[in-house]
């Protein structure tokens, strides 16, 4: 994984829960906010991982 992609992934994983917690901490419990952030982050992380896997596979096939 490139450093730029790693930074993007870590920012997504950190920013979403922080925004949810700061916005809804008075209305919902921390557990609900954590579960929500996991549900939001999961498809994004899987998409980034799948793209990386596909790029590596194409590189191996083209050699």
Protein backbone atom coordinates (compact mmCIF):
# COMPACT_ATOMS: atom_id res chain seq x y z
CA UNK A 1 0.00 0.00 0.00
CA UNK A 2 1.33 3.39 -0.91
CA UNK A 3 1.92 5.94 1.85
CA UNK A 4 -0.75 8.20 0.40
CA UNK A 5 -3.35 5.42 0.41
CA UNK A 6 -2.38 4.44 3.96
CA UNK A 7 -2.80 8.04 5.09
CA UNK A 8 -6.19 8.28 3.39
CA UNK A 9 -7.36 5.05 4.98
CA UNK A 10 -6.23 6.07 8.46
CA UNK A 11 -7.84 9.50 8.06
CA UNK A 12 -11.15 7.94 7.05
CA UNK A 13 -10.97 5.54 9.96
CA UNK A 14 -10.25 8.37 12.40
CA UNK A 15 -12.40 11.22 11.09
CA UNK A 16 -15.74 9.43 10.73
CA UNK A 17 -15.95 8.18 14.34
CA UNK A 18 -14.71 11.52 15.66
CA UNK A 19 -17.36 13.45 13.73
CA UNK A 20 -20.10 11.04 14.75
CA UNK A 21 -19.06 11.17 18.39
CA UNK A 22 -18.77 14.94 18.52
CA UNK A 23 -22.11 15.39 16.75
CA UNK A 24 -24.25 12.76 18.46
CA UNK A 25 -22.59 12.12 21.83
CA UNK A 26 -25.44 13.75 23.70
CA UNK A 27 -28.17 11.85 21.87
CA UNK A 28 -26.80 8.31 21.52
CA UNK A 29 -24.57 6.01 23.52
CA UNK A 30 -20.91 5.54 22.66
CA UNK A 31 -21.55 1.94 21.63
CA UNK A 32 -24.14 2.99 19.03
CA UNK A 33 -21.75 5.60 17.64
CA UNK A 34 -18.94 3.03 17.46
CA UNK A 35 -21.12 0.51 15.65
CA UNK A 36 -22.29 3.21 13.23
CA UNK A 37 -18.75 4.25 12.42
CA UNK A 38 -17.75 0.63 11.81
CA UNK A 39 -20.69 0.19 9.44
CA UNK A 40 -19.71 3.35 7.58
CA UNK A 41 -15.98 2.55 7.43
CA UNK A 42 -16.28 -1.12 6.50
CA UNK A 43 -17.33 -0.67 2.83
CA UNK A 44 -14.79 2.11 2.30
CA UNK A 45 -11.92 0.04 3.68
CA UNK A 46 -13.02 -3.04 1.70
CA UNK A 47 -13.20 -0.95 -1.48
CA UNK A 48 -9.68 0.42 -0.94
CA UNK A 49 -8.37 -3.06 -0.19
CA UNK A 50 -10.04 -4.57 -3.26
CA UNK A 51 -8.57 -1.90 -5.51
CA UNK A 52 -5.10 -2.55 -4.11
CA UNK A 53 -5.48 -6.31 -4.55
CA UNK A 54 -6.65 -5.84 -8.15
CA UNK A 55 -3.70 -3.60 -9.00
CA UNK A 56 -1.22 -6.12 -7.61
CA UNK A 57 -2.93 -8.94 -9.53
CA UNK A 58 -2.77 -6.99 -12.80
CA UNK A 59 0.93 -6.27 -12.25
CA UNK A 60 1.66 -9.96 -11.78
CA UNK A 61 -0.37 -10.91 -14.85
CA UNK A 62 1.31 -8.32 -17.07
CA UNK A 63 4.83 -9.51 -16.24
